[in-house]
Protein backbone atom coordinates (compact mmCIF):
# COMPACT_ATOMS: atom_id res chain seq x y z
CA UNK A 1 -36.43 -6.92 -5.07
CA UNK A 2 -40.26 -8.34 -4.04
CA UNK A 3 -42.85 -5.16 -2.72
CA UNK A 4 -42.90 -6.89 0.69
CA UNK A 5 -46.78 -7.70 0.31
CA UNK A 6 -45.19 -10.33 -2.10
CA UNK A 7 -42.58 -11.49 -0.18
CA UNK A 8 -45.04 -12.91 2.68
CA UNK A 9 -48.25 -13.40 0.23
CA UNK A 10 -47.35 -14.73 -2.91
CA UNK A 11 -50.85 -14.21 -3.92
CA UNK A 12 -50.87 -10.84 -3.46
CA UNK A 13 -51.58 -8.37 -6.12
CA UNK A 14 -51.13 -4.39 -6.47
CA UNK A 15 -54.72 -2.43 -6.46
CA UNK A 16 -56.36 -2.97 -9.50
CA UNK A 17 -57.05 0.59 -10.19
CA UNK A 18 -52.95 0.77 -10.13
CA UNK A 19 -52.51 -2.08 -13.11
CA UNK A 20 -52.50 -1.06 -16.56
CA UNK A 21 -54.38 -3.40 -18.38
CA UNK A 22 -52.71 -5.37 -21.47
CA UNK A 23 -52.92 -7.61 -23.87
CA UNK A 24 -49.11 -9.05 -24.98
CA UNK A 25 -47.91 -12.47 -26.24
CA UNK A 26 -44.61 -12.92 -24.22
CA UNK A 27 -41.83 -16.29 -24.33
CA UNK A 28 -40.71 -16.45 -21.07
CA UNK A 29 -37.15 -18.15 -19.65
CA UNK A 30 -37.99 -20.60 -17.22
CA UNK A 31 -36.19 -20.94 -13.67
CA UNK A 32 -34.57 -23.49 -15.18
CA UNK A 33 -32.64 -21.29 -17.19
CA UNK A 34 -33.15 -24.14 -20.83
CA UNK A 35 -36.58 -24.06 -20.78
CA UNK A 36 -38.33 -21.20 -22.85
CA UNK A 37 -42.61 -20.80 -23.07
CA UNK A 38 -45.00 -18.82 -24.44
CA UNK A 39 -47.10 -17.15 -22.04
CA UNK A 40 -49.21 -13.44 -21.76
CA UNK A 41 -48.73 -10.39 -19.78
CA UNK A 42 -52.22 -9.39 -18.62
CA UNK A 43 -51.56 -6.25 -16.96
CA UNK A 44 -48.56 -3.79 -15.77
CA UNK A 45 -48.45 -2.21 -12.23
CA UNK A 46 -45.31 0.38 -11.23
CA UNK A 47 -43.74 -0.35 -7.76
CA UNK A 48 -43.41 3.26 -5.55
CA UNK A 49 -39.74 3.07 -6.69
CA UNK A 50 -40.61 2.72 -10.30
CA UNK A 51 -39.96 -0.70 -11.17
CA UNK A 52 -42.06 -2.63 -13.81
CA UNK A 53 -44.26 -5.95 -13.15
CA UNK A 54 -46.43 -7.98 -14.93
CA UNK A 55 -49.02 -10.49 -14.23
CA UNK A 56 -47.47 -13.10 -16.51
CA UNK A 57 -49.73 -16.42 -17.40
CA UNK A 58 -47.93 -19.15 -19.34
CA UNK A 59 -49.87 -20.88 -21.27
CA UNK A 60 -50.31 -24.62 -21.68
CA UNK A 61 -49.61 -25.07 -17.49
CA UNK A 62 -52.74 -24.88 -14.80
CA UNK A 63 -50.86 -22.56 -13.10
CA UNK A 64 -52.75 -19.14 -11.99
CA UNK A 65 -51.87 -15.81 -13.40
CA UNK A 66 -48.69 -14.27 -10.96
CA UNK A 67 -46.92 -11.31 -10.92
CA UNK A 68 -43.62 -10.95 -12.25
CA UNK A 69 -41.01 -8.19 -12.37
CA UNK A 70 -40.02 -7.63 -15.38
CA UNK A 71 -36.84 -8.25 -16.72
CA UNK A 72 -36.40 -8.21 -20.71
CA UNK A 73 -33.67 -10.99 -20.13
CA UNK A 74 -36.26 -14.01 -19.33
CA UNK A 75 -39.63 -12.11 -20.83
CA UNK A 76 -39.35 -11.42 -24.59
CA UNK A 77 -42.47 -9.35 -25.27
CA UNK A 78 -43.53 -10.43 -29.17
CA UNK A 79 -45.24 -8.63 -31.62
CA UNK A 80 -48.96 -8.25 -31.57
CA UNK A 81 -49.07 -7.18 -34.69
CA UNK A 82 -47.57 -7.05 -38.30
CA UNK A 83 -44.55 -8.51 -38.92
């Protein structure tokens, strides 16, 4: 479930002091459920209920970063160093 602010304003973001900065490469399953694209999480936030949200930027698109509920089935965290 979306926080009330995101239900009415898709451009809403949590207060910056509540956001934990990050630099996490990810692979994202798009809504069409067929395409995976590379992206980057540049911020984490937990809702008052404890649900993790991430500020996600998709690489290769002109879209601005957007807040999405973290779903490990659709957003795969990639290693940041040494494999």
